[in-house]
C-alpha atoms as a PDB file:
ATOM      1  CA  MET A   1      32.105  52.713  45.463  1.00  0.00           C
ATOM      2  CA  LEU A   2      29.860  49.684  45.278  1.00  0.00           C
ATOM      3  CA  ALA A   3      26.437  49.953  43.733  1.00  0.00           C
ATOM      4  CA  SER A   4      23.576  47.742  42.623  1.00  0.00           C
ATOM      5  CA  THR A   5      21.132  49.670  40.468  1.00  0.00           C
ATOM      6  CA  LYS A   6      18.454  46.993  40.691  1.00  0.00           C
ATOM      7  CA  VAL A   7      18.043  47.515  44.427  1.00  0.00           C
ATOM      8  CA  ASN A   8      19.667  50.959  44.511  1.00  0.00           C
ATOM      9  CA  LEU A   9      22.334  50.067  47.052  1.00  0.00           C
ATOM     10  CA  VAL A  10      25.279  52.480  47.104  1.00  0.00           C
ATOM     11  CA  THR A  11      28.370  52.284  49.296  1.00  0.00           C
ATOM     12  CA  LEU A  12      30.860  55.128  49.095  1.00  0.00           C
ATOM     13  CA  SER A  13      34.574  54.412  49.326  1.00  0.00           C
ATOM     14  CA  LEU A  14      35.883  53.992  52.885  1.00  0.00           C
ATOM     15  CA  GLN A  15      32.357  53.897  54.291  1.00  0.00           C
ATOM     16  CA  THR A  16      30.473  51.073  55.984  1.00  0.00           C
ATOM     17  CA  ALA A  17      27.172  49.881  54.565  1.00  0.00           C
ATOM     18  CA  ALA A  18      25.005  47.392  56.439  1.00  0.00           C
ATOM     19  CA  LEU A  19      22.299  45.067  55.154  1.00  0.00           C
ATOM     20  CA  VAL A  20      19.803  43.895  57.747  1.00  0.00           C
ATOM     21  CA  GLY A  21      16.598  41.916  57.621  1.00  0.00           C
ATOM     22  CA  GLU A  22      14.977  38.680  58.664  1.00  0.00           C
ATOM     23  CA  SER A  23      16.481  35.332  57.663  1.00  0.00           C
ATOM     24  CA  GLY A  24      15.793  34.529  54.029  1.00  0.00           C
ATOM     25  CA  SER A  25      15.240  38.159  53.044  1.00  0.00           C
ATOM     26  CA  GLY A  26      18.125  38.121  50.554  1.00  0.00           C
ATOM     27  CA  LYS A  27      20.928  39.801  52.538  1.00  0.00           C
ATOM     28  CA  SER A  28      23.635  37.212  51.926  1.00  0.00           C
ATOM     29  CA  THR A  29      22.840  37.144  48.207  1.00  0.00           C
ATOM     30  CA  ALA A  30      24.479  40.570  47.988  1.00  0.00           C
ATOM     31  CA  ILE A  31      27.729  39.132  49.379  1.00  0.00           C
ATOM     32  CA  ALA A  32      27.690  36.294  46.839  1.00  0.00           C
ATOM     33  CA  LEU A  33      27.103  38.762  44.011  1.00  0.00           C
ATOM     34  CA  LEU A  34      29.907  41.054  45.162  1.00  0.00           C
ATOM     35  CA  GLU A  35      32.352  38.137  45.174  1.00  0.00           C
ATOM     36  CA  ARG A  36      31.043  37.018  41.779  1.00  0.00           C
ATOM     37  CA  PHE A  37      30.068  33.545  42.899  1.00  0.00           C
ATOM     38  CA  TYR A  38      27.392  34.276  40.327  1.00  0.00           C
ATOM     39  CA  ASP A  39      26.344  37.293  38.290  1.00  0.00           C
ATOM     40  CA  PRO A  40      22.961  39.062  38.497  1.00  0.00           C
ATOM     41  CA  SER A  41      20.339  38.052  35.945  1.00  0.00           C
ATOM     42  CA  SER A  42      19.176  41.667  35.856  1.00  0.00           C
ATOM     43  CA  GLY A  43      20.408  44.961  37.225  1.00  0.00           C
ATOM     44  CA  ARG A  44      24.061  45.899  37.678  1.00  0.00           C
ATOM     45  CA  ILE A  45      26.749  45.773  40.337  1.00  0.00           C
ATOM     46  CA  LEU A  46      29.573  48.283  40.052  1.00  0.00           C
ATOM     47  CA  LEU A  47      32.938  48.655  41.767  1.00  0.00           C
ATOM     48  CA  ASP A  48      34.249  52.225  41.448  1.00  0.00           C
ATOM     49  CA  GLY A  49      31.949  52.709  38.468  1.00  0.00           C
ATOM     50  CA  VAL A  50      33.072  49.529  36.685  1.00  0.00           C
ATOM     51  CA  GLU A  51      30.610  46.672  36.173  1.00  0.00           C
ATOM     52  CA  LEU A  52      31.726  43.597  38.105  1.00  0.00           C
ATOM     53  CA  PRO A  53      31.206  41.081  35.249  1.00  0.00           C
ATOM     54  CA  THR A  54      33.874  42.953  33.254  1.00  0.00           C
ATOM     55  CA  LEU A  55      36.469  42.399  35.988  1.00  0.00           C
ATOM     56  CA  LYS A  56      38.641  39.315  36.215  1.00  0.00           C
ATOM     57  CA  VAL A  57      37.388  37.154  39.097  1.00  0.00           C
ATOM     58  CA  SER A  58      40.888  36.377  40.401  1.00  0.00           C
ATOM     59  CA  TRP A  59      41.792  40.093  40.489  1.00  0.00           C
ATOM     60  CA  LEU A  60      38.481  41.048  42.093  1.00  0.00           C
ATOM     61  CA  ARG A  61      38.836  38.554  44.918  1.00  0.00           C
ATOM     62  CA  LEU A  62      42.300  39.874  45.699  1.00  0.00           C
ATOM     63  CA  GLN A  63      40.637  43.233  46.433  1.00  0.00           C
ATOM     64  CA  ILE A  64      38.078  41.653  48.782  1.00  0.00           C
ATOM     65  CA  GLY A  65      38.404  40.179  52.268  1.00  0.00           C
ATOM     66  CA  LEU A  66      35.510  37.991  53.431  1.00  0.00           C
ATOM     67  CA  VAL A  67      34.634  37.050  57.009  1.00  0.00           C
ATOM     68  CA  ALA A  68      31.683  34.664  57.105  1.00  0.00           C
ATOM     69  CA  GLN A  69      29.535  33.301  59.932  1.00  0.00           C
ATOM     70  CA  GLU A  70      31.261  29.912  59.948  1.00  0.00           C
ATOM     71  CA  PRO A  71      34.979  30.300  59.219  1.00  0.00           C
ATOM     72  CA  VAL A  72      36.488  27.543  57.097  1.00  0.00           C
ATOM     73  CA  LEU A  73      39.875  26.640  58.538  1.00  0.00           C
ATOM     74  CA  PHE A  74      42.107  23.938  57.089  1.00  0.00           C
ATOM     75  CA  ASN A  75      43.755  21.101  59.009  1.00  0.00           C
ATOM     76  CA  ASP A  76      47.039  22.974  59.046  1.00  0.00           C
ATOM     77  CA  THR A  77      48.913  25.430  61.232  1.00  0.00           C
ATOM     78  CA  ILE A  78      47.507  28.790  62.275  1.00  0.00           C
ATOM     79  CA  ARG A  79      50.337  30.386  60.283  1.00  0.00           C
ATOM     80  CA  ALA A  80      49.327  28.560  57.095  1.00  0.00           C
ATOM     81  CA  ASN A  81      45.644  29.361  57.613  1.00  0.00           C
ATOM     82  CA  ILE A  82      46.370  33.085  57.880  1.00  0.00           C
ATOM     83  CA  ALA A  83      48.875  33.056  55.002  1.00  0.00           C
ATOM     84  CA  TYR A  84      46.256  31.430  52.768  1.00  0.00           C
ATOM     85  CA  GLY A  85      44.544  34.829  52.600  1.00  0.00           C
ATOM     86  CA  LYS A  86      47.496  36.028  50.524  1.00  0.00           C
ATOM     87  CA  GLN A  87      47.716  32.838  48.473  1.00  0.00           C
ATOM     88  CA  GLY A  88      50.275  31.458  50.919  1.00  0.00           C
ATOM     89  CA  GLU A  89      52.804  34.191  50.156  1.00  0.00           C
ATOM     90  CA  ALA A  90      52.500  36.296  53.313  1.00  0.00           C
ATOM     91  CA  SER A  91      55.677  37.072  55.237  1.00  0.00           C
ATOM     92  CA  GLU A  92      56.019  36.351  58.954  1.00  0.00           C
ATOM     93  CA  GLU A  93      55.725  40.077  59.670  1.00  0.00           C
ATOM     94  CA  GLU A  94      52.513  40.323  57.645  1.00  0.00           C
ATOM     95  CA  ILE A  95      51.028  37.279  59.383  1.00  0.00           C
ATOM     96  CA  VAL A  96      51.769  38.628  62.863  1.00  0.00           C
ATOM     97  CA  ALA A  97      50.516  42.125  61.950  1.00  0.00           C
ATOM     98  CA  ALA A  98      47.258  40.652  60.640  1.00  0.00           C
ATOM     99  CA  ALA A  99      46.862  38.555  63.795  1.00  0.00           C
ATOM    100  CA  GLU A 100      47.450  41.605  65.985  1.00  0.00           C
ATOM    101  CA  ALA A 101      44.838  43.587  64.057  1.00  0.00           C
ATOM    102  CA  ALA A 102      42.409  40.682  64.491  1.00  0.00           C
ATOM    103  CA  ASN A 103      42.896  40.450  68.280  1.00  0.00           C
ATOM    104  CA  ALA A 104      44.412  37.007  67.695  1.00  0.00           C
ATOM    105  CA  HIS A 105      48.141  37.423  68.385  1.00  0.00           C
ATOM    106  CA  GLN A 106      47.814  37.226  72.169  1.00  0.00           C
ATOM    107  CA  PHE A 107      45.893  33.950  72.280  1.00  0.00           C
ATOM    108  CA  ILE A 108      48.058  32.444  69.521  1.00  0.00           C
ATOM    109  CA  SER A 109      51.237  33.350  71.405  1.00  0.00           C
ATOM    110  CA  GLY A 110      49.794  31.680  74.505  1.00  0.00           C
ATOM    111  CA  LEU A 111      49.439  28.320  72.758  1.00  0.00           C
ATOM    112  CA  PRO A 112      52.293  25.804  73.307  1.00  0.00           C
ATOM    113  CA  ASP A 113      53.109  25.732  69.594  1.00  0.00           C
ATOM    114  CA  GLY A 114      52.087  29.324  68.857  1.00  0.00           C
ATOM    115  CA  TYR A 115      51.622  29.976  65.155  1.00  0.00           C
ATOM    116  CA  ASN A 116      52.668  26.369  64.464  1.00  0.00           C
ATOM    117  CA  THR A 117      49.552  25.050  66.233  1.00  0.00           C
ATOM    118  CA  VAL A 118      47.607  22.698  63.961  1.00  0.00           C
ATOM    119  CA  VAL A 119      43.946  23.700  64.215  1.00  0.00           C
ATOM    120  CA  GLY A 120      42.405  20.374  63.139  1.00  0.00           C
ATOM    121  CA  GLU A 121      39.615  19.780  60.658  1.00  0.00           C
ATOM    122  CA  ARG A 122      37.450  22.917  60.407  1.00  0.00           C
ATOM    123  CA  GLY A 123      39.462  24.423  63.265  1.00  0.00           C
ATOM    124  CA  ILE A 124      38.110  22.006  65.863  1.00  0.00           C
ATOM    125  CA  GLN A 125      41.043  22.675  68.218  1.00  0.00           C
ATOM    126  CA  LEU A 126      40.012  26.328  68.584  1.00  0.00           C
ATOM    127  CA  SER A 127      37.003  27.995  70.189  1.00  0.00           C
ATOM    128  CA  GLY A 128      34.433  29.791  68.049  1.00  0.00           C
ATOM    129  CA  GLY A 129      35.861  33.195  68.884  1.00  0.00           C
ATOM    130  CA  GLN A 130      39.422  32.056  68.221  1.00  0.00           C
ATOM    131  CA  LYS A 131      38.478  30.588  64.844  1.00  0.00           C
ATOM    132  CA  GLN A 132      36.746  33.801  63.849  1.00  0.00           C
ATOM    133  CA  ARG A 133      39.763  35.906  64.790  1.00  0.00           C
ATOM    134  CA  VAL A 134      42.042  33.679  62.692  1.00  0.00           C
ATOM    135  CA  ALA A 135      39.546  34.114  59.841  1.00  0.00           C
ATOM    136  CA  ILE A 136      39.685  37.905  60.259  1.00  0.00           C
ATOM    137  CA  ALA A 137      43.493  37.791  60.158  1.00  0.00           C
ATOM    138  CA  ARG A 138      43.303  35.728  56.969  1.00  0.00           C
ATOM    139  CA  ALA A 139      40.898  38.261  55.438  1.00  0.00           C
ATOM    140  CA  VAL A 140      43.097  41.282  56.161  1.00  0.00           C
ATOM    141  CA  VAL A 141      46.594  39.836  55.594  1.00  0.00           C
ATOM    142  CA  LYS A 142      46.336  40.792  51.909  1.00  0.00           C
ATOM    143  CA  ASP A 143      45.249  44.338  52.893  1.00  0.00           C
ATOM    144  CA  PRO A 144      41.966  44.248  50.935  1.00  0.00           C
ATOM    145  CA  LYS A 145      40.292  47.424  49.722  1.00  0.00           C
ATOM    146  CA  VAL A 146      36.819  45.985  50.368  1.00  0.00           C
ATOM    147  CA  LEU A 147      35.776  44.026  53.458  1.00  0.00           C
ATOM    148  CA  LEU A 148      32.676  41.807  53.429  1.00  0.00           C
ATOM    149  CA  LEU A 149      31.288  40.700  56.798  1.00  0.00           C
ATOM    150  CA  ASP A 150      28.574  38.063  56.458  1.00  0.00           C
ATOM    151  CA  GLU A 151      26.976  37.445  59.879  1.00  0.00           C
ATOM    152  CA  ALA A 152      30.525  37.471  61.267  1.00  0.00           C
ATOM    153  CA  THR A 153      29.522  37.468  64.969  1.00  0.00           C
ATOM    154  CA  SER A 154      26.096  35.820  64.927  1.00  0.00           C
ATOM    155  CA  ALA A 155      27.314  32.374  66.073  1.00  0.00           C
ATOM    156  CA  LEU A 156      29.358  33.674  69.021  1.00  0.00           C
ATOM    157  CA  ASP A 157      28.576  34.052  72.717  1.00  0.00           C
ATOM    158  CA  ALA A 158      28.488  37.556  74.190  1.00  0.00           C
ATOM    159  CA  GLU A 159      32.128  37.689  75.348  1.00  0.00           C
ATOM    160  CA  SER A 160      33.512  36.227  72.115  1.00  0.00           C
ATOM    161  CA  GLU A 161      31.321  38.639  70.150  1.00  0.00           C
ATOM    162  CA  ARG A 162      32.767  41.594  72.065  1.00  0.00           C
ATOM    163  CA  VAL A 163      36.376  40.579  71.337  1.00  0.00           C
ATOM    164  CA  VAL A 164      35.663  39.786  67.682  1.00  0.00           C
ATOM    165  CA  GLN A 165      33.683  43.007  67.195  1.00  0.00           C
ATOM    166  CA  GLU A 166      36.608  44.999  68.597  1.00  0.00           C
ATOM    167  CA  ALA A 167      38.814  43.360  65.975  1.00  0.00           C
ATOM    168  CA  LEU A 168      36.319  44.065  63.199  1.00  0.00           C
ATOM    169  CA  ASP A 169      36.001  47.716  64.235  1.00  0.00           C
ATOM    170  CA  ARG A 170      39.781  48.003  63.955  1.00  0.00           C
ATOM    171  CA  VAL A 171      40.198  46.350  60.551  1.00  0.00           C
ATOM    172  CA  MET A 172      37.237  48.232  59.035  1.00  0.00           C
ATOM    173  CA  VAL A 173      39.084  51.543  59.360  1.00  0.00           C
ATOM    174  CA  GLY A 174      40.294  52.776  55.977  1.00  0.00           C
ATOM    175  CA  ARG A 175      38.294  50.220  54.003  1.00  0.00           C
ATOM    176  CA  THR A 176      34.984  50.076  52.193  1.00  0.00           C
ATOM    177  CA  THR A 177      32.939  47.611  54.228  1.00  0.00           C
ATOM    178  CA  VAL A 178      29.678  45.794  53.565  1.00  0.00           C
ATOM    179  CA  VAL A 179      28.131  44.183  56.641  1.00  0.00           C
ATOM    180  CA  VAL A 180      25.355  41.596  56.614  1.00  0.00           C
ATOM    181  CA  ALA A 181      24.050  41.201  60.145  1.00  0.00           C
ATOM    182  CA  HIS A 182      21.288  39.609  62.139  1.00  0.00           C
ATOM    183  CA  ARG A 183      22.509  41.054  65.441  1.00  0.00           C
ATOM    184  CA  LEU A 184      21.612  44.695  64.986  1.00  0.00           C
ATOM    185  CA  SER A 185      23.939  45.883  67.741  1.00  0.00           C
ATOM    186  CA  THR A 186      26.815  45.319  65.297  1.00  0.00           C
ATOM    187  CA  VAL A 187      25.535  47.753  62.646  1.00  0.00           C
ATOM    188  CA  ARG A 188      24.505  50.826  64.645  1.00  0.00           C
ATOM    189  CA  GLY A 189      27.633  52.720  63.663  1.00  0.00           C
ATOM    190  CA  ALA A 190      27.305  52.027  59.926  1.00  0.00           C
ATOM    191  CA  ASP A 191      27.281  55.019  57.574  1.00  0.00           C
ATOM    192  CA  ILE A 192      24.223  53.610  55.803  1.00  0.00           C
ATOM    193  CA  ILE A 193      21.864  50.795  56.812  1.00  0.00           C
ATOM    194  CA  SER A 194      19.654  49.171  54.183  1.00  0.00           C
ATOM    195  CA  VAL A 195      16.720  47.095  55.383  1.00  0.00           C
ATOM    196  CA  VAL A 196      16.017  44.137  53.097  1.00  0.00           C
ATOM    197  CA  LYS A 197      12.608  42.496  52.884  1.00  0.00           C
ATOM    198  CA  ASN A 198      11.634  39.897  50.275  1.00  0.00           C
ATOM    199  CA  GLY A 199      14.713  40.727  48.227  1.00  0.00           C
ATOM    200  CA  MET A 200      13.996  44.472  48.153  1.00  0.00           C
ATOM    201  CA  ILE A 201      15.348  47.413  50.131  1.00  0.00           C
ATOM    202  CA  VAL A 202      12.393  48.897  51.995  1.00  0.00           C
ATOM    203  CA  GLU A 203      14.212  51.402  54.238  1.00  0.00           C
ATOM    204  CA  LYS A 204      17.579  53.116  54.131  1.00  0.00           C
ATOM    205  CA  GLY A 205      19.421  55.520  56.425  1.00  0.00           C
ATOM    206  CA  ARG A 206      21.535  55.778  59.556  1.00  0.00           C
ATOM    207  CA  HIS A 207      20.452  54.039  62.749  1.00  0.00           C
ATOM    208  CA  GLU A 208      19.022  57.203  64.292  1.00  0.00           C
ATOM    209  CA  GLU A 209      17.060  58.076  61.147  1.00  0.00           C
ATOM    210  CA  LEU A 210      15.570  54.606  60.797  1.00  0.00           C
ATOM    211  CA  MET A 211      14.540  54.497  64.447  1.00  0.00           C
ATOM    212  CA  ARG A 212      12.429  57.618  63.882  1.00  0.00           C
ATOM    213  CA  ILE A 213      10.281  55.977  61.175  1.00  0.00           C
ATOM    214  CA  LYS A 214       6.875  55.266  62.680  1.00  0.00           C
ATOM    215  CA  ASP A 215       6.030  51.550  62.507  1.00  0.00           C
ATOM    216  CA  GLY A 216       9.259  51.078  60.540  1.00  0.00           C
ATOM    217  CA  THR A 217      10.684  47.674  59.696  1.00  0.00           C
ATOM    218  CA  TYR A 218      14.111  48.484  61.150  1.00  0.00           C
ATOM    219  CA  ALA A 219      12.662  49.814  64.403  1.00  0.00           C
ATOM    220  CA  SER A 220      10.578  46.643  64.694  1.00  0.00           C
ATOM    221  CA  LEU A 221      13.660  44.473  64.145  1.00  0.00           C
ATOM    222  CA  VAL A 222      15.566  46.404  66.827  1.00  0.00           C
ATOM    223  CA  GLU A 223      12.696  45.978  69.279  1.00  0.00           C
ATOM    224  CA  LEU A 224      12.436  42.275  68.486  1.00  0.00           C
ATOM    225  CA  SER A 225      16.189  41.867  68.906  1.00  0.00           C
ATOM    226  CA  SER A 226      16.216  43.572  72.311  1.00  0.00           C
ATOM    227  CA  THR A 227      13.285  41.556  73.678  1.00  0.00           C
ATOM    228  CA  SER A 228      14.737  38.223  72.526  1.00  0.00           C
ATOM    229  CA  ARG A 229      17.945  38.595  74.527  1.00  0.00           C
END
């Protein structure tokens, strides 16, 4: 279970919690806090009832897989980029299994050099959707207990988003997942959706519950999202 008592955000084990809100509302701050890029100045963040600052950062990050909006790939082979998720110690079987889970194995196998393809600086040799699927494979190759998705599909076109979302839906099974999303279509199936505004949670519930709130913030965001397509 993940919890932040300051904003009263609770995620039960093996469930998916989503944070939504306008840009600058404070959603991505939660991801940074969970990974302990910095610690909260007030309030608490707990993992299975244990305060995060008491946990060793290196151990904590081994339990967490992160997929961000802009994947950072190294100028190395696809194999090495995926293996990096397990500190370079992943076996060939683990790398291929992670790629299959991430909907990446088929396109990788279709490349002339396959897993030995060098992706270039920041993955320039790959499309946006391909880069993101390699990033998902890297995140899951170490079989993390917690998955953090920070705007993971927001920079993709519709077709790439569909393929990547299919991969995310697959790798989220059996894991505690925290999703930060601007595209609300990606969070409708979450077990709990928290709406963040000015750094505070103003609404919380499942998609259907939030849509029933008259003049609600979430319902307004959904309407705005649908009209802007």
